[in-house]
Amino acid sequence: MMKNFVWIASIILFLLTVFIFIFLIYEKDEHILRIEILNVTDDRKALDIFTKMLRKKQFEIIYTQNINDESLEFTGIVDRKDKHMRFAKNVARNLKCNNIFFSPDTTLNIDVTIIIGDDYKKILKRSLFEQKDKNDR
């Protein structure tokens, strides 16, 4: 009777160990997101603010640029690699911005493009105070 108990306990312990090992390997996402930030607002400081804030949140900012001849009402987050938009959703959670899109581009060595729109002050305010706006899509 005792041998059966030890044998069953050993099997359960082994299976539990295997399960935990597999879970840790496959569920742990060590991928550091590579981000491009484009600022299409008139406020050139917005680019620096977003860059600093995202770096503090451990994102890797690869490329930034102020674009003078464009304008967007809303800030958008574009996933460049994952059709399920996991990367964009990760950034969107951090920025409290739900305007996410998928537009693949394998020529870029980035995961996400952030296009800062005219609503950037609301985005920054929500990011700092963990709020969402009813106008987020």
Protein backbone atom coordinates (compact mmCIF):
# COMPACT_ATOMS: atom_id res chain seq x y z
CA MET A 1 0.00 0.00 0.00
CA MET A 2 2.78 2.45 0.93
CA LYS A 3 4.68 1.59 -2.29
CA ASN A 4 1.61 2.51 -4.37
CA PHE A 5 1.24 5.84 -2.56
CA VAL A 6 4.93 6.72 -3.10
CA TRP A 7 4.73 5.67 -6.73
CA ILE A 8 1.57 7.76 -7.39
CA ALA A 9 2.99 10.76 -5.52
CA SER A 10 6.19 10.51 -7.58
CA ILE A 11 4.23 10.48 -10.84
CA ILE A 12 2.14 13.46 -9.76
CA LEU A 13 5.23 15.39 -8.71
CA PHE A 14 6.96 14.56 -12.02
CA LEU A 15 3.95 15.67 -14.08
CA LEU A 16 3.62 18.86 -12.06
CA THR A 17 7.31 19.64 -12.60
CA VAL A 18 7.00 19.05 -16.36
CA PHE A 19 3.90 21.24 -16.53
CA ILE A 20 5.58 24.10 -14.67
CA PHE A 21 8.70 23.83 -16.83
CA ILE A 22 6.67 23.96 -20.07
CA PHE A 23 4.56 26.83 -18.76
CA LEU A 24 7.64 28.90 -17.87
CA ILE A 25 9.29 28.28 -21.23
CA TYR A 26 6.30 29.02 -23.45
CA GLU A 27 4.41 31.65 -21.50
CA LYS A 28 7.31 33.90 -20.59
CA ASP A 29 7.60 36.58 -23.25
CA GLU A 30 11.12 37.96 -23.09
CA HIS A 31 10.73 39.83 -26.36
CA ILE A 32 11.56 43.49 -25.88
CA LEU A 33 9.37 45.45 -28.25
CA ARG A 34 11.18 47.50 -30.86
CA ILE A 35 9.25 50.70 -31.45
CA GLU A 36 9.24 53.49 -34.02
CA ILE A 37 7.60 56.77 -32.97
CA LEU A 38 6.37 59.31 -35.52
CA ASN A 39 5.09 62.68 -34.32
CA VAL A 40 2.64 64.42 -36.65
CA THR A 41 1.64 67.16 -34.22
CA ASP A 42 2.86 70.74 -34.19
CA ASP A 43 4.36 70.18 -30.73
CA ARG A 44 7.90 68.89 -31.26
CA LYS A 45 8.26 68.15 -27.52
CA ALA A 46 5.61 65.41 -27.76
CA LEU A 47 8.11 63.08 -29.41
CA ASP A 48 10.62 63.43 -26.58
CA ILE A 49 7.93 62.95 -23.93
CA PHE A 50 6.63 59.74 -25.52
CA THR A 51 10.17 58.44 -26.07
CA LYS A 52 11.19 59.00 -22.45
CA MET A 53 7.96 57.55 -21.07
CA LEU A 54 8.18 54.38 -23.17
CA ARG A 55 11.85 53.86 -22.37
CA LYS A 56 10.99 54.05 -18.66
CA LYS A 57 8.50 51.25 -19.33
CA GLN A 58 11.36 49.16 -20.80
CA PHE A 59 10.46 49.49 -24.49
CA GLU A 60 13.26 49.79 -27.01
CA ILE A 61 12.84 52.91 -29.11
CA ILE A 62 14.57 52.30 -32.44
CA TYR A 63 13.57 55.31 -34.51
CA THR A 64 11.85 58.65 -33.91
CA GLN A 65 10.89 61.43 -36.29
CA ASN A 66 8.88 64.63 -36.34
CA ILE A 67 6.81 64.87 -39.53
CA ASN A 68 5.74 68.37 -40.48
CA ASP A 69 3.38 67.88 -43.42
CA GLU A 70 0.98 65.37 -41.86
CA SER A 71 -1.74 65.67 -39.24
CA LEU A 72 -3.89 63.13 -37.44
CA GLU A 73 -6.65 63.75 -34.95
CA PHE A 74 -6.03 60.54 -32.97
CA THR A 75 -2.86 58.76 -31.89
CA GLY A 76 -2.52 55.35 -33.50
CA ILE A 77 -0.52 52.23 -32.72
CA VAL A 78 0.39 50.03 -35.67
CA ASP A 79 1.49 46.42 -35.23
CA ARG A 80 4.05 45.58 -37.92
CA LYS A 81 4.52 41.86 -37.23
CA ASP A 82 1.64 40.09 -35.47
CA LYS A 83 -1.74 39.78 -37.20
CA HIS A 84 -3.34 39.29 -33.78
CA MET A 85 -1.80 42.64 -32.79
CA ARG A 86 -0.25 41.35 -29.54
CA PHE A 87 2.59 43.86 -29.78
CA ALA A 88 0.31 46.84 -30.46
CA LYS A 89 -2.04 45.75 -27.67
CA ASN A 90 0.88 45.64 -25.25
CA VAL A 91 1.85 49.22 -26.12
CA ALA A 92 -1.81 50.30 -26.12
CA ARG A 93 -2.24 48.98 -22.56
CA ASN A 94 0.72 51.05 -21.44
CA LEU A 95 -0.45 54.20 -23.22
CA LYS A 96 -4.17 53.72 -22.43
CA CYS A 97 -4.89 54.13 -26.15
CA ASN A 98 -7.12 51.73 -28.07
CA ASN A 99 -6.54 52.96 -31.61
CA ILE A 100 -4.62 49.94 -32.87
CA PHE A 101 -4.12 48.65 -36.39
CA PHE A 102 -2.27 45.92 -38.24
CA SER A 103 -0.12 46.91 -41.19
CA PRO A 104 2.69 44.41 -41.72
CA ASP A 105 6.06 45.59 -42.96
CA THR A 106 8.85 43.05 -42.96
CA THR A 107 11.35 45.55 -44.34
CA LEU A 108 11.31 47.44 -41.04
CA ASN A 109 13.17 45.97 -38.10
CA ILE A 110 10.47 47.08 -35.69
CA ASP A 111 7.43 45.55 -34.00
CA VAL A 112 5.26 48.64 -33.52
CA THR A 113 4.88 52.12 -34.98
CA ILE A 114 3.30 54.80 -32.81
CA ILE A 115 1.90 57.79 -34.68
CA ILE A 116 1.35 60.63 -32.23
CA GLY A 117 -1.82 62.54 -33.10
CA ASP A 118 -3.42 65.71 -31.86
CA ASP A 119 -4.96 63.87 -28.88
CA TYR A 120 -1.51 63.19 -27.39
CA LYS A 121 -2.12 65.31 -24.28
CA LYS A 122 -5.14 63.16 -23.38
CA ILE A 123 -3.06 60.02 -24.00
CA LEU A 124 -0.31 61.29 -21.70
CA LYS A 125 -2.81 62.26 -19.02
CA ARG A 126 -4.50 58.83 -19.15
CA SER A 127 -1.14 57.06 -19.15
CA LEU A 128 -0.06 58.90 -16.04
CA PHE A 129 -3.37 58.49 -14.20
CA GLU A 130 -4.40 55.05 -15.56
CA GLN A 131 -7.67 56.22 -17.13
CA LYS A 132 -9.39 55.48 -20.43
CA ASP A 133 -11.27 57.98 -22.51
CA LYS A 134 -14.73 57.27 -23.97
CA ASN A 135 -13.47 58.49 -27.38
CA ASP A 136 -10.92 55.68 -27.67
CA ARG A 137 -11.91 53.31 -30.38
